């Protein structure tokens, strides 16, 4: 599934699975390393509208529909992360958030639903696992 996502999401994707407080039990990212470094060095997680939305909602949101007062998504775009989409699931008291980007057209509604289903599937498959 991750290999298939790499082809669909040519500019990267991320899964933060089974988040406890602000830390995911499993974090898997394929975004460009310079973006991951900048994001981490500047502590952007606390201002990231994708994370904030995912911690408060379930379902799907397109990055273009989120307010970005601190410029986190603008920074992502400067690293080539376009057409962003986030999915959030909450099952059995555990929350997971995923993000997907690609250089081609925005994700269709059918693709968005498929990405939400993949997020649910990984959430279920990784329940009870410790850090990888």
Protein backbone atom coordinates (compact mmCIF):
# COMPACT_ATOMS: atom_id res chain seq x y z
CA UNK A 1 0.00 0.00 0.00
CA UNK A 2 2.83 2.43 0.85
CA UNK A 3 4.53 1.76 -2.48
CA UNK A 4 1.26 2.49 -4.32
CA UNK A 5 0.85 5.71 -2.32
CA UNK A 6 4.36 6.74 -3.34
CA UNK A 7 3.29 6.59 -6.96
CA UNK A 8 0.02 8.45 -6.39
CA UNK A 9 1.53 11.03 -4.04
CA UNK A 10 4.70 11.89 -5.94
CA UNK A 11 5.60 14.82 -3.67
CA UNK A 12 5.08 12.85 -0.47
CA UNK A 13 2.74 11.69 2.23
CA UNK A 14 2.74 11.18 5.98
CA UNK A 15 0.98 9.07 8.58
CA UNK A 16 0.86 9.95 12.27
CA UNK A 17 -0.75 6.85 13.72
CA UNK A 18 -2.26 6.45 17.17
CA UNK A 19 -1.53 9.92 18.51
CA UNK A 20 -1.31 10.16 22.28
CA UNK A 21 -1.37 13.77 23.48
CA UNK A 22 0.79 15.32 20.71
CA UNK A 23 3.03 12.34 19.89
CA UNK A 24 2.15 9.63 17.38
CA UNK A 25 3.02 6.06 18.26
CA UNK A 26 4.10 5.58 14.64
CA UNK A 27 5.26 8.37 12.31
CA UNK A 28 5.98 7.66 8.65
CA UNK A 29 6.87 10.51 6.26
CA UNK A 30 8.05 10.64 2.66
CA UNK A 31 8.05 14.41 2.21
CA UNK A 32 11.29 15.96 0.92
CA UNK A 33 13.99 15.88 3.61
CA UNK A 34 14.61 19.67 3.49
CA UNK A 35 10.93 20.23 4.35
CA UNK A 36 11.00 17.66 7.16
CA UNK A 37 14.13 19.34 8.56
CA UNK A 38 12.69 22.86 8.38
CA UNK A 39 9.37 21.72 9.86
CA UNK A 40 11.15 20.03 12.78
CA UNK A 41 13.77 22.73 13.39
CA UNK A 42 11.14 25.48 13.52
CA UNK A 43 8.72 23.43 15.65
CA UNK A 44 5.90 23.93 13.14
CA UNK A 45 3.72 21.11 14.43
CA UNK A 46 2.01 23.33 17.00
CA UNK A 47 1.04 25.86 14.30
CA UNK A 48 0.31 23.41 11.49
CA UNK A 49 -3.32 23.85 10.38
CA UNK A 50 -3.32 20.26 9.11
CA UNK A 51 -2.43 18.93 12.57
CA UNK A 52 -4.84 21.30 14.31
CA UNK A 53 -7.69 20.26 12.02
CA UNK A 54 -6.85 16.57 12.37
CA UNK A 55 -6.84 16.76 16.17
CA UNK A 56 -10.31 18.29 16.21
CA UNK A 57 -12.10 16.58 13.33
CA UNK A 58 -12.61 13.32 11.51
CA UNK A 59 -12.86 12.89 7.76
CA UNK A 60 -11.17 14.73 4.92
CA UNK A 61 -9.99 18.29 4.37
CA UNK A 62 -8.13 19.86 1.48
CA UNK A 63 -5.22 22.06 2.52
CA UNK A 64 -6.51 24.92 0.39
CA UNK A 65 -9.60 25.04 2.63
CA UNK A 66 -7.59 25.60 5.82
CA UNK A 67 -6.56 28.94 7.32
CA UNK A 68 -2.77 29.20 7.50
CA UNK A 69 -2.02 32.21 9.74
CA UNK A 70 1.54 31.07 10.56
CA UNK A 71 2.47 30.17 6.97
CA UNK A 72 3.10 26.47 7.51
CA UNK A 73 1.29 25.41 4.33
CA UNK A 74 2.97 28.24 2.44
CA UNK A 75 6.30 26.79 3.58
CA UNK A 76 5.22 23.34 2.42
CA UNK A 77 4.43 24.75 -1.02
CA UNK A 78 7.89 26.31 -1.20
CA UNK A 79 9.21 22.73 -0.94
CA UNK A 80 6.95 21.46 -3.74
CA UNK A 81 4.07 20.11 -1.64
CA UNK A 82 0.96 20.99 -3.64
CA UNK A 83 -2.60 19.73 -3.78
CA UNK A 84 -2.54 18.67 -0.14
CA UNK A 85 -5.24 16.58 1.45
CA UNK A 86 -5.54 15.39 5.04
CA UNK A 87 -7.53 12.55 6.56
CA UNK A 88 -8.26 12.02 10.24
CA UNK A 89 -9.75 9.01 11.96
CA UNK A 90 -10.75 8.33 15.54
CA UNK A 91 -11.51 4.75 16.46
CA UNK A 92 -11.52 3.06 19.86
CA UNK A 93 -10.23 6.23 21.50
CA UNK A 94 -7.17 6.44 19.26
CA UNK A 95 -6.60 9.14 16.63
CA UNK A 96 -4.56 9.01 13.41
CA UNK A 97 -3.88 11.77 10.88
CA UNK A 98 -2.51 11.44 7.36
CA UNK A 99 -1.41 13.95 4.74
CA UNK A 100 -1.03 13.46 1.01
CA UNK A 101 0.42 15.68 -1.73
CA UNK A 102 1.08 15.43 -5.42
CA UNK A 103 2.30 17.61 -8.26
CA UNK A 104 -0.58 16.85 -10.63
CA UNK A 105 -4.22 17.88 -10.27
CA UNK A 106 -5.96 17.93 -6.89
CA UNK A 107 -7.28 14.62 -5.61
CA UNK A 108 -10.75 13.76 -6.86
CA UNK A 109 -13.51 13.00 -4.36
CA UNK A 110 -13.16 9.27 -5.13
CA UNK A 111 -9.40 9.45 -4.55
CA UNK A 112 -9.96 11.37 -1.31
CA UNK A 113 -12.35 8.69 -0.06
CA UNK A 114 -9.82 6.00 -1.00
CA UNK A 115 -7.10 7.83 0.96
CA UNK A 116 -9.41 8.07 3.96
CA UNK A 117 -10.03 4.33 3.72
CA UNK A 118 -6.28 3.65 3.52
CA UNK A 119 -5.80 5.79 6.62
CA UNK A 120 -8.47 3.78 8.44
CA UNK A 121 -6.87 0.54 7.31
CA UNK A 122 -3.39 1.52 8.52
CA UNK A 123 -4.91 2.79 11.77
CA UNK A 124 -6.54 -0.60 12.33
CA UNK A 125 -3.53 -2.65 11.20
CA UNK A 126 -1.16 -0.79 13.55
CA UNK A 127 -3.36 -0.82 16.64
CA UNK A 128 -1.29 -2.05 19.56
CA UNK A 129 2.08 -1.79 17.79
CA UNK A 130 4.93 0.09 19.43
CA UNK A 131 7.23 2.52 17.63
CA UNK A 132 8.71 1.25 14.38
